[in-house]
Amino acid sequence: MISRELAAALRDAGLVWHPSSGDRFQIDLPDLDADVFTVSEMTIEPKQYATGTILAFNGTTEWALDSVAQSDAVWLPREDQLRELLRATFRALRRLDDAFEVEVVIAGETRVFEHPEPAEAYGQAALALIEASV
């Protein structure tokens, strides 16, 4: 799982989240910002309204939280979702002795991102791609 800081940087750079089952997120509210939630039709369901998307907490009677605006959530994309974001720019994932290396080509330039967690390396590459396309 990527760090909250990288997830927030991706969001702030313009990554758009369309919540679907299996997606993980954190909430930008005091006392909830350390918890990780998972979208699931059984418990947390995205609902679309003209005013925006909310994440509805179904069947959680012990909670005082019925729903939260999507804008108050920080999506934590999975490794496969980050790889999909890279699409044709992705060249390789390499295992090093103590890290993983993701190689991409952005605007004709080969770039390499290294981190002990492969998802974080993918996330750094995705952030670079988004920032280059703005």
N, C-alpha and C. Protein backbone atom coordinates (compact mmCIF):
# COMPACT_ATOMS: atom_id res chain seq x y z
N MET A 1 0.86 -1.18 0.00
CA MET A 1 0.00 0.00 0.00
C MET A 1 0.90 1.23 0.00
N ILE A 2 0.50 2.26 -0.75
CA ILE A 2 1.29 3.48 -0.81
C ILE A 2 1.05 4.31 0.45
N SER A 3 1.96 5.23 0.69
CA SER A 3 1.84 6.10 1.86
C SER A 3 0.72 7.12 1.65
N ARG A 4 0.18 7.59 2.75
CA ARG A 4 -0.86 8.63 2.69
C ARG A 4 -0.31 9.89 2.02
N GLU A 5 0.95 10.20 2.29
CA GLU A 5 1.57 11.39 1.71
C GLU A 5 1.62 11.31 0.19
N LEU A 6 2.02 10.15 -0.33
CA LEU A 6 2.06 9.99 -1.78
C LEU A 6 0.65 9.99 -2.35
N ALA A 7 -0.29 9.34 -1.67
CA ALA A 7 -1.68 9.35 -2.14
C ALA A 7 -2.23 10.76 -2.20
N ALA A 8 -1.94 11.57 -1.20
CA ALA A 8 -2.41 12.97 -1.19
C ALA A 8 -1.73 13.77 -2.31
N ALA A 9 -0.45 13.50 -2.56
CA ALA A 9 0.25 14.19 -3.65
C ALA A 9 -0.35 13.82 -5.00
N LEU A 10 -0.71 12.55 -5.19
CA LEU A 10 -1.37 12.13 -6.43
C LEU A 10 -2.71 12.84 -6.60
N ARG A 11 -3.49 12.89 -5.52
CA ARG A 11 -4.78 13.58 -5.56
C ARG A 11 -4.59 15.06 -5.89
N ASP A 12 -3.65 15.70 -5.21
CA ASP A 12 -3.41 17.13 -5.41
C ASP A 12 -2.88 17.44 -6.81
N ALA A 13 -2.20 16.46 -7.42
CA ALA A 13 -1.68 16.64 -8.78
C ALA A 13 -2.77 16.47 -9.83
N GLY A 14 -3.94 15.94 -9.41
CA GLY A 14 -5.05 15.83 -10.35
C GLY A 14 -5.54 14.42 -10.62
N LEU A 15 -5.03 13.42 -9.92
CA LEU A 15 -5.52 12.05 -10.11
C LEU A 15 -6.98 11.98 -9.67
N VAL A 16 -7.84 11.53 -10.56
CA VAL A 16 -9.27 11.45 -10.30
C VAL A 16 -9.60 10.03 -9.86
N TRP A 17 -10.37 9.93 -8.79
CA TRP A 17 -10.77 8.64 -8.24
C TRP A 17 -12.24 8.40 -8.53
N HIS A 18 -12.53 7.25 -9.12
CA HIS A 18 -13.89 6.78 -9.33
C HIS A 18 -14.05 5.55 -8.44
N PRO A 19 -14.57 5.74 -7.21
CA PRO A 19 -14.60 4.64 -6.24
C PRO A 19 -15.27 3.38 -6.77
N SER A 20 -14.60 2.25 -6.52
CA SER A 20 -15.19 0.97 -6.88
C SER A 20 -14.81 -0.05 -5.80
N SER A 21 -15.53 -1.14 -5.81
CA SER A 21 -15.34 -2.18 -4.80
C SER A 21 -13.88 -2.60 -4.73
N GLY A 22 -13.36 -2.68 -3.52
CA GLY A 22 -11.98 -3.06 -3.30
C GLY A 22 -11.03 -1.90 -3.11
N ASP A 23 -11.45 -0.70 -3.47
CA ASP A 23 -10.59 0.47 -3.29
C ASP A 23 -10.42 0.78 -1.81
N ARG A 24 -9.21 1.17 -1.43
CA ARG A 24 -8.93 1.56 -0.06
C ARG A 24 -8.78 3.08 0.02
N PHE A 25 -9.16 3.63 1.17
CA PHE A 25 -9.05 5.08 1.35
C PHE A 25 -8.94 5.42 2.83
N GLN A 26 -8.50 6.65 3.09
CA GLN A 26 -8.48 7.20 4.42
C GLN A 26 -9.33 8.46 4.40
N ILE A 27 -9.75 8.90 5.56
CA ILE A 27 -10.64 10.06 5.67
C ILE A 27 -9.90 11.23 6.30
N ASP A 28 -10.05 12.41 5.72
CA ASP A 28 -9.43 13.62 6.24
C ASP A 28 -10.29 14.24 7.33
N LEU A 29 -10.50 13.52 8.40
CA LEU A 29 -11.24 14.03 9.55
C LEU A 29 -10.47 13.64 10.81
N PRO A 30 -10.45 14.53 11.81
CA PRO A 30 -9.76 14.17 13.05
C PRO A 30 -10.29 12.85 13.61
N ASP A 31 -9.42 12.09 14.20
CA ASP A 31 -9.72 10.80 14.82
C ASP A 31 -10.02 9.69 13.81
N LEU A 32 -10.07 9.99 12.51
CA LEU A 32 -10.31 8.96 11.50
C LEU A 32 -9.19 8.88 10.48
N ASP A 33 -8.26 9.82 10.51
CA ASP A 33 -7.25 9.91 9.46
C ASP A 33 -6.21 8.79 9.50
N ALA A 34 -6.17 7.98 10.53
CA ALA A 34 -5.23 6.86 10.59
C ALA A 34 -5.87 5.54 10.15
N ASP A 35 -7.19 5.50 10.09
CA ASP A 35 -7.90 4.27 9.71
C ASP A 35 -7.94 4.12 8.20
N VAL A 36 -7.82 2.88 7.73
CA VAL A 36 -7.93 2.57 6.31
C VAL A 36 -9.26 1.86 6.11
N PHE A 37 -10.06 2.36 5.15
CA PHE A 37 -11.37 1.79 4.84
C PHE A 37 -11.31 1.17 3.45
N THR A 38 -12.20 0.23 3.19
CA THR A 38 -12.29 -0.43 1.89
C THR A 38 -13.70 -0.29 1.34
N VAL A 39 -13.80 0.16 0.09
CA VAL A 39 -15.10 0.27 -0.56
C VAL A 39 -15.64 -1.14 -0.81
N SER A 40 -16.86 -1.37 -0.39
CA SER A 40 -17.52 -2.66 -0.58
C SER A 40 -19.02 -2.40 -0.59
N GLU A 41 -19.72 -2.96 -1.54
CA GLU A 41 -21.17 -2.75 -1.61
C GLU A 41 -21.87 -3.17 -0.32
N MET A 42 -21.25 -4.05 0.43
CA MET A 42 -21.85 -4.52 1.68
C MET A 42 -21.75 -3.49 2.79
N THR A 43 -20.64 -2.74 2.84
CA THR A 43 -20.44 -1.83 3.97
C THR A 43 -20.21 -0.38 3.58
N ILE A 44 -19.39 -0.13 2.58
CA ILE A 44 -19.11 1.24 2.16
C ILE A 44 -19.38 1.34 0.66
N GLU A 45 -20.39 2.09 0.32
CA GLU A 45 -20.86 2.14 -1.06
C GLU A 45 -20.78 3.56 -1.62
N PRO A 46 -20.14 3.74 -2.79
CA PRO A 46 -20.15 5.07 -3.41
C PRO A 46 -21.53 5.37 -3.98
N LYS A 47 -22.05 6.55 -3.69
CA LYS A 47 -23.34 6.99 -4.22
C LYS A 47 -23.15 8.31 -4.93
N GLN A 48 -23.65 8.36 -6.17
CA GLN A 48 -23.48 9.54 -7.01
C GLN A 48 -24.69 10.46 -6.88
N TYR A 49 -24.42 11.74 -6.65
CA TYR A 49 -25.46 12.76 -6.60
C TYR A 49 -25.03 13.93 -7.46
N ALA A 50 -25.96 14.80 -7.80
CA ALA A 50 -25.63 15.98 -8.61
C ALA A 50 -24.58 16.85 -7.92
N THR A 51 -24.56 16.83 -6.62
CA THR A 51 -23.61 17.65 -5.86
C THR A 51 -22.27 16.97 -5.66
N GLY A 52 -22.13 15.70 -6.03
CA GLY A 52 -20.87 14.98 -5.90
C GLY A 52 -21.09 13.58 -5.39
N THR A 53 -20.01 12.87 -5.23
CA THR A 53 -20.05 11.49 -4.75
C THR A 53 -19.84 11.46 -3.25
N ILE A 54 -20.64 10.61 -2.58
CA ILE A 54 -20.41 10.36 -1.16
C ILE A 54 -20.09 8.89 -0.99
N LEU A 55 -19.44 8.57 0.11
CA LEU A 55 -19.15 7.19 0.46
C LEU A 55 -20.05 6.86 1.64
N ALA A 56 -21.08 6.05 1.39
CA ALA A 56 -22.09 5.74 2.41
C ALA A 56 -21.66 4.52 3.20
N PHE A 57 -21.71 4.65 4.51
CA PHE A 57 -21.36 3.56 5.42
C PHE A 57 -22.65 2.81 5.75
N ASN A 58 -22.85 1.65 5.15
CA ASN A 58 -24.07 0.88 5.32
C ASN A 58 -23.92 -0.12 6.47
N GLY A 59 -24.94 -0.21 7.30
CA GLY A 59 -24.98 -1.23 8.33
C GLY A 59 -23.97 -1.06 9.44
N THR A 60 -23.47 0.14 9.62
CA THR A 60 -22.48 0.37 10.67
C THR A 60 -23.14 1.13 11.80
N THR A 61 -24.04 0.45 12.51
CA THR A 61 -24.83 1.10 13.55
C THR A 61 -23.98 1.57 14.72
N GLU A 62 -22.80 0.97 14.90
CA GLU A 62 -21.96 1.40 16.00
C GLU A 62 -21.22 2.70 15.68
N TRP A 63 -21.31 3.14 14.43
CA TRP A 63 -20.62 4.35 14.02
C TRP A 63 -21.55 5.55 14.09
N ALA A 64 -20.97 6.69 14.32
CA ALA A 64 -21.73 7.93 14.24
C ALA A 64 -21.58 8.51 12.84
N LEU A 65 -20.92 7.79 11.95
CA LEU A 65 -20.64 8.27 10.60
C LEU A 65 -21.54 7.53 9.61
N ASP A 66 -22.44 8.25 8.96
CA ASP A 66 -23.32 7.65 7.96
C ASP A 66 -22.71 7.71 6.57
N SER A 67 -22.04 8.84 6.28
CA SER A 67 -21.42 9.00 4.97
C SER A 67 -20.35 10.08 5.07
N VAL A 68 -19.52 10.13 4.06
CA VAL A 68 -18.47 11.14 3.98
C VAL A 68 -18.36 11.56 2.51
N ALA A 69 -18.13 12.83 2.28
CA ALA A 69 -17.95 13.30 0.91
C ALA A 69 -16.66 12.72 0.34
N GLN A 70 -16.69 12.36 -0.91
CA GLN A 70 -15.50 11.80 -1.56
C GLN A 70 -14.34 12.78 -1.44
N SER A 71 -14.61 14.07 -1.47
CA SER A 71 -13.54 15.07 -1.36
C SER A 71 -12.84 15.04 0.00
N ASP A 72 -13.47 14.41 1.00
CA ASP A 72 -12.85 14.26 2.32
C ASP A 72 -12.08 12.94 2.45
N ALA A 73 -11.99 12.20 1.37
CA ALA A 73 -11.30 10.91 1.39
C ALA A 73 -10.01 10.99 0.57
N VAL A 74 -9.03 10.22 0.99
CA VAL A 74 -7.76 10.10 0.26
C VAL A 74 -7.67 8.67 -0.24
N TRP A 75 -7.75 8.49 -1.55
CA TRP A 75 -7.68 7.17 -2.18
C TRP A 75 -6.26 6.63 -2.06
N LEU A 76 -6.14 5.38 -1.69
CA LEU A 76 -4.85 4.69 -1.61
C LEU A 76 -4.81 3.64 -2.72
N PRO A 77 -4.43 4.05 -3.93
CA PRO A 77 -4.46 3.10 -5.05
C PRO A 77 -3.57 1.88 -4.80
N ARG A 78 -4.03 0.74 -5.30
CA ARG A 78 -3.26 -0.50 -5.23
C ARG A 78 -2.17 -0.50 -6.30
N GLU A 79 -1.23 -1.43 -6.14
CA GLU A 79 -0.14 -1.56 -7.09
C GLU A 79 -0.65 -1.77 -8.52
N ASP A 80 -1.65 -2.63 -8.70
CA ASP A 80 -2.17 -2.89 -10.05
C ASP A 80 -2.84 -1.65 -10.64
N GLN A 81 -3.50 -0.85 -9.80
CA GLN A 81 -4.14 0.37 -10.28
C GLN A 81 -3.10 1.40 -10.70
N LEU A 82 -2.01 1.49 -9.95
CA LEU A 82 -0.93 2.42 -10.30
C LEU A 82 -0.25 1.99 -11.60
N ARG A 83 -0.03 0.70 -11.76
CA ARG A 83 0.58 0.19 -12.99
C ARG A 83 -0.32 0.51 -14.18
N GLU A 84 -1.64 0.36 -13.99
CA GLU A 84 -2.59 0.69 -15.06
C GLU A 84 -2.54 2.18 -15.42
N LEU A 85 -2.33 3.03 -14.44
CA LEU A 85 -2.22 4.47 -14.70
C LEU A 85 -1.01 4.78 -15.59
N LEU A 86 0.04 4.00 -15.45
CA LEU A 86 1.25 4.24 -16.23
C LEU A 86 1.10 3.83 -17.69
N ARG A 87 0.24 2.87 -17.95
CA ARG A 87 -0.06 2.36 -19.29
C ARG A 87 1.19 2.19 -20.15
N ALA A 88 1.22 2.82 -21.31
CA ALA A 88 2.30 2.62 -22.28
C ALA A 88 3.63 3.21 -21.83
N THR A 89 3.64 4.04 -20.80
CA THR A 89 4.91 4.60 -20.32
C THR A 89 5.73 3.58 -19.54
N PHE A 90 5.07 2.54 -19.02
CA PHE A 90 5.74 1.54 -18.19
C PHE A 90 6.69 0.69 -19.03
N ARG A 91 7.92 0.52 -18.52
CA ARG A 91 8.89 -0.32 -19.20
C ARG A 91 9.30 -1.54 -18.39
N ALA A 92 9.50 -1.37 -17.06
CA ALA A 92 9.99 -2.51 -16.29
C ALA A 92 9.81 -2.30 -14.79
N LEU A 93 9.68 -3.42 -14.09
CA LEU A 93 9.77 -3.46 -12.64
C LEU A 93 10.92 -4.42 -12.34
N ARG A 94 11.91 -3.92 -11.61
CA ARG A 94 13.07 -4.75 -11.28
C ARG A 94 13.20 -4.88 -9.76
N ARG A 95 13.58 -6.07 -9.35
CA ARG A 95 13.86 -6.33 -7.93
C ARG A 95 15.35 -6.09 -7.72
N LEU A 96 15.68 -5.18 -6.81
CA LEU A 96 17.06 -4.94 -6.43
C LEU A 96 17.31 -5.66 -5.10
N ASP A 97 18.50 -5.54 -4.56
CA ASP A 97 18.80 -6.21 -3.29
C ASP A 97 17.86 -5.79 -2.16
N ASP A 98 17.61 -4.49 -2.07
CA ASP A 98 16.80 -3.99 -0.95
C ASP A 98 15.69 -3.04 -1.38
N ALA A 99 15.33 -3.08 -2.66
CA ALA A 99 14.29 -2.17 -3.16
C ALA A 99 13.74 -2.70 -4.47
N PHE A 100 12.76 -1.96 -4.98
CA PHE A 100 12.20 -2.22 -6.31
C PHE A 100 12.43 -0.98 -7.15
N GLU A 101 12.58 -1.19 -8.44
CA GLU A 101 12.85 -0.11 -9.37
C GLU A 101 11.79 -0.16 -10.47
N VAL A 102 11.12 0.95 -10.67
CA VAL A 102 10.13 1.07 -11.75
C VAL A 102 10.72 1.98 -12.81
N GLU A 103 10.75 1.48 -14.04
CA GLU A 103 11.26 2.27 -15.16
C GLU A 103 10.10 2.66 -16.07
N VAL A 104 10.04 3.95 -16.40
CA VAL A 104 9.01 4.48 -17.30
C VAL A 104 9.68 5.41 -18.30
N VAL A 105 8.95 5.71 -19.36
CA VAL A 105 9.40 6.72 -20.32
C VAL A 105 8.33 7.81 -20.33
N ILE A 106 8.74 9.01 -19.93
CA ILE A 106 7.84 10.17 -19.86
C ILE A 106 8.40 11.25 -20.76
N ALA A 107 7.62 11.67 -21.73
CA ALA A 107 8.03 12.70 -22.70
C ALA A 107 9.37 12.35 -23.34
N GLY A 108 9.52 11.08 -23.71
CA GLY A 108 10.73 10.63 -24.39
C GLY A 108 11.93 10.40 -23.50
N GLU A 109 11.80 10.64 -22.21
CA GLU A 109 12.91 10.49 -21.27
C GLU A 109 12.68 9.26 -20.39
N THR A 110 13.70 8.40 -20.30
CA THR A 110 13.62 7.24 -19.42
C THR A 110 13.88 7.71 -17.99
N ARG A 111 12.95 7.34 -17.10
CA ARG A 111 13.06 7.71 -15.68
C ARG A 111 12.90 6.47 -14.83
N VAL A 112 13.61 6.43 -13.71
CA VAL A 112 13.60 5.28 -12.82
C VAL A 112 13.24 5.76 -11.41
N PHE A 113 12.33 5.02 -10.77
CA PHE A 113 11.89 5.35 -9.42
C PHE A 113 12.13 4.12 -8.54
N GLU A 114 12.82 4.33 -7.42
CA GLU A 114 13.22 3.24 -6.55
C GLU A 114 12.64 3.41 -5.16
N HIS A 115 12.15 2.29 -4.60
CA HIS A 115 11.61 2.30 -3.24
C HIS A 115 11.55 0.86 -2.73
N PRO A 116 11.65 0.67 -1.41
CA PRO A 116 11.54 -0.70 -0.86
C PRO A 116 10.18 -1.37 -1.14
N GLU A 117 9.14 -0.58 -1.31
CA GLU A 117 7.80 -1.11 -1.62
C GLU A 117 7.50 -0.87 -3.10
N PRO A 118 7.15 -1.91 -3.87
CA PRO A 118 6.88 -1.70 -5.30
C PRO A 118 5.73 -0.73 -5.56
N ALA A 119 4.69 -0.76 -4.74
CA ALA A 119 3.56 0.15 -4.95
C ALA A 119 4.00 1.61 -4.83
N GLU A 120 4.89 1.88 -3.89
CA GLU A 120 5.38 3.25 -3.71
C GLU A 120 6.20 3.70 -4.92
N ALA A 121 7.01 2.80 -5.47
CA ALA A 121 7.79 3.13 -6.67
C ALA A 121 6.85 3.39 -7.85
N TYR A 122 5.82 2.56 -8.00
CA TYR A 122 4.81 2.80 -9.04
C TYR A 122 4.12 4.15 -8.81
N GLY A 123 3.79 4.45 -7.56
CA GLY A 123 3.13 5.71 -7.24
C GLY A 123 3.99 6.92 -7.56
N GLN A 124 5.29 6.84 -7.29
CA GLN A 124 6.19 7.94 -7.62
C GLN A 124 6.24 8.15 -9.13
N ALA A 125 6.27 7.05 -9.88
CA ALA A 125 6.27 7.14 -11.34
C ALA A 125 4.96 7.74 -11.85
N ALA A 126 3.84 7.33 -11.26
CA ALA A 126 2.53 7.87 -11.66
C ALA A 126 2.46 9.36 -11.37
N LEU A 127 2.99 9.78 -10.23
CA LEU A 127 3.00 11.21 -9.88
C LEU A 127 3.82 11.99 -10.91
N ALA A 128 4.97 11.47 -11.29
CA ALA A 128 5.81 12.14 -12.29
C ALA A 128 5.07 12.25 -13.63
N LEU A 129 4.36 11.19 -14.00
CA LEU A 129 3.60 11.20 -15.26
C LEU A 129 2.49 12.26 -15.21
N ILE A 130 1.75 12.32 -14.11
CA ILE A 130 0.67 13.29 -13.98
C ILE A 130 1.23 14.71 -14.01
N GLU A 131 2.31 14.93 -13.28
CA GLU A 131 2.90 16.28 -13.24
C GLU A 131 3.43 16.69 -14.61
N ALA A 132 3.95 15.74 -15.39
CA ALA A 132 4.46 16.05 -16.73
C ALA A 132 3.35 16.35 -17.72
N SER A 133 2.14 15.85 -17.43
CA SER A 133 1.03 16.05 -18.38
C SER A 133 0.22 17.30 -18.08
N VAL A 134 0.56 18.00 -17.02
CA VAL A 134 -0.20 19.21 -16.66
C VAL A 134 0.32 20.41 -17.41
